[in-house]
Every structure is written in C-alpha cells, then in structure tokens.
Amino acid sequence: MADTLLFGIQTNGIKHRQADPMPDIDTRFRMVKEAGVFDYGLRGPACCRRGKTHGAACRRHENPLA
C-alpha cells in the first residue's frame, strides 16, 4: 500500500510578499484554498473543534487544521 504525501503550511506565515502586512485570519485561509496546493494548515485541530477564529476560517474555506 502506498503512503499519501500531504502538504501543509504554517498559518502565521501566509502572505504574498515578506514586506506585506500580515493578512487577517480569514484572508490567510482563503489564500491557502485558492492556491490549491496545501492539504491543511498547521495550527492545531483543537481550534476547529472549539469554534475559535482559526476554526471558523478553516471550516469556511474547507482547509483542515493539523
């Protein structure tokens, strides 16, 4: 059986350019979804379960947290 390779991104580093200001959480998750490259964001699944800001954004843009 082959293993599946998943790609993740740390959500606090999502910007277009280094000089850009940090986008709000919802914008970061939207950018990840639109990139079409990443399978999950690195923040922690507890955020999704508790309905915090990161959890709401991950559900809205269908980006799982890890």
C-alpha atoms as a PDB file:
ATOM      1  CA  MET A   1       0.000   0.000   0.000  1.00  0.00           C
ATOM      2  CA  ALA A   2       1.356   3.429  -0.935  1.00  0.00           C
ATOM      3  CA  ASP A   3       1.512   6.239   1.601  1.00  0.00           C
ATOM      4  CA  THR A   4      -0.137   9.561   0.842  1.00  0.00           C
ATOM      5  CA  LEU A   5       2.038  12.675   0.964  1.00  0.00           C
ATOM      6  CA  LEU A   6       0.132  15.696   2.287  1.00  0.00           C
ATOM      7  CA  PHE A   7       1.326  19.303   2.146  1.00  0.00           C
ATOM      8  CA  GLY A   8       0.712  21.775   4.955  1.00  0.00           C
ATOM      9  CA  ILE A   9       1.501  25.411   5.652  1.00  0.00           C
ATOM     10  CA  GLN A  10       2.022  27.246   8.929  1.00  0.00           C
ATOM     11  CA  THR A  11      -0.855  29.755   9.075  1.00  0.00           C
ATOM     12  CA  ASN A  12       1.165  32.576  10.677  1.00  0.00           C
ATOM     13  CA  GLY A  13       3.421  32.821   7.613  1.00  0.00           C
ATOM     14  CA  ILE A  14       0.816  33.245   4.873  1.00  0.00           C
ATOM     15  CA  LYS A  15       1.499  36.446   2.906  1.00  0.00           C
ATOM     16  CA  HIS A  16       2.118  37.336  -0.716  1.00  0.00           C
ATOM     17  CA  ARG A  17       5.446  39.072  -0.033  1.00  0.00           C
ATOM     18  CA  GLN A  18       7.639  39.413   3.049  1.00  0.00           C
ATOM     19  CA  ALA A  19       7.118  43.195   3.113  1.00  0.00           C
ATOM     20  CA  ASP A  20       3.292  42.877   3.133  1.00  0.00           C
ATOM     21  CA  PRO A  21       1.424  43.288   6.416  1.00  0.00           C
ATOM     22  CA  MET A  22       0.005  40.090   7.934  1.00  0.00           C
ATOM     23  CA  PRO A  23      -3.487  39.482   6.479  1.00  0.00           C
ATOM     24  CA  ASP A  24      -6.399  38.689   8.781  1.00  0.00           C
ATOM     25  CA  ILE A  25      -7.072  35.039   9.560  1.00  0.00           C
ATOM     26  CA  ASP A  26      -9.954  34.666   7.106  1.00  0.00           C
ATOM     27  CA  THR A  27      -7.861  36.090   4.270  1.00  0.00           C
ATOM     28  CA  ARG A  28      -4.978  33.710   5.081  1.00  0.00           C
ATOM     29  CA  PHE A  29      -7.245  30.652   4.876  1.00  0.00           C
ATOM     30  CA  ARG A  30      -8.819  31.936   1.652  1.00  0.00           C
ATOM     31  CA  MET A  31      -5.326  32.373   0.146  1.00  0.00           C
ATOM     32  CA  VAL A  32      -4.440  28.778   1.087  1.00  0.00           C
ATOM     33  CA  LYS A  33      -7.630  27.446  -0.520  1.00  0.00           C
ATOM     34  CA  GLU A  34      -7.123  29.494  -3.691  1.00  0.00           C
ATOM     35  CA  ALA A  35      -3.508  28.299  -4.030  1.00  0.00           C
ATOM     36  CA  GLY A  36      -4.823  24.755  -4.456  1.00  0.00           C
ATOM     37  CA  VAL A  37      -1.526  23.297  -3.199  1.00  0.00           C
ATOM     38  CA  PHE A  38      -1.958  22.701   0.528  1.00  0.00           C
ATOM     39  CA  ASP A  39      -3.929  19.933   2.213  1.00  0.00           C
ATOM     40  CA  TYR A  40      -4.032  21.539   5.654  1.00  0.00           C
ATOM     41  CA  GLY A  41      -2.935  24.487   7.792  1.00  0.00           C
ATOM     42  CA  LEU A  42      -0.683  23.997  10.792  1.00  0.00           C
ATOM     43  CA  ARG A  43      -2.430  25.434  13.820  1.00  0.00           C
ATOM     44  CA  GLY A  44      -3.952  22.539  15.772  1.00  0.00           C
ATOM     45  CA  PRO A  45      -7.223  20.611  15.457  1.00  0.00           C
ATOM     46  CA  ALA A  46      -8.454  21.839  18.848  1.00  0.00           C
ATOM     47  CA  CYS A  47      -9.065  25.270  17.273  1.00  0.00           C
ATOM     48  CA  CYS A  48     -11.560  23.735  14.812  1.00  0.00           C
ATOM     49  CA  ARG A  49     -13.416  21.818  17.495  1.00  0.00           C
ATOM     50  CA  ARG A  50     -13.742  24.804  19.837  1.00  0.00           C
ATOM     51  CA  GLY A  51     -15.007  27.166  17.105  1.00  0.00           C
ATOM     52  CA  LYS A  52     -12.303  29.794  17.608  1.00  0.00           C
ATOM     53  CA  THR A  53     -11.348  32.247  14.884  1.00  0.00           C
ATOM     54  CA  HIS A  54      -8.923  29.847  13.180  1.00  0.00           C
ATOM     55  CA  GLY A  55     -11.501  27.055  13.402  1.00  0.00           C
ATOM     56  CA  ALA A  56     -14.228  29.164  11.839  1.00  0.00           C
ATOM     57  CA  ALA A  57     -11.928  30.173   8.982  1.00  0.00           C
ATOM     58  CA  CYS A  58     -10.786  26.597   8.365  1.00  0.00           C
ATOM     59  CA  ARG A  59     -14.401  25.410   8.165  1.00  0.00           C
ATOM     60  CA  ARG A  60     -15.477  28.320   5.942  1.00  0.00           C
ATOM     61  CA  HIS A  61     -12.671  27.687   3.427  1.00  0.00           C
ATOM     62  CA  GLU A  62     -12.573  23.884   3.889  1.00  0.00           C
ATOM     63  CA  ASN A  63      -8.898  23.868   4.975  1.00  0.00           C
ATOM     64  CA  PRO A  64      -8.347  21.288   7.709  1.00  0.00           C
ATOM     65  CA  LEU A  65      -6.067  22.204  10.595  1.00  0.00           C
ATOM     66  CA  ALA A  66      -3.302  19.945  11.843  1.00  0.00           C
END
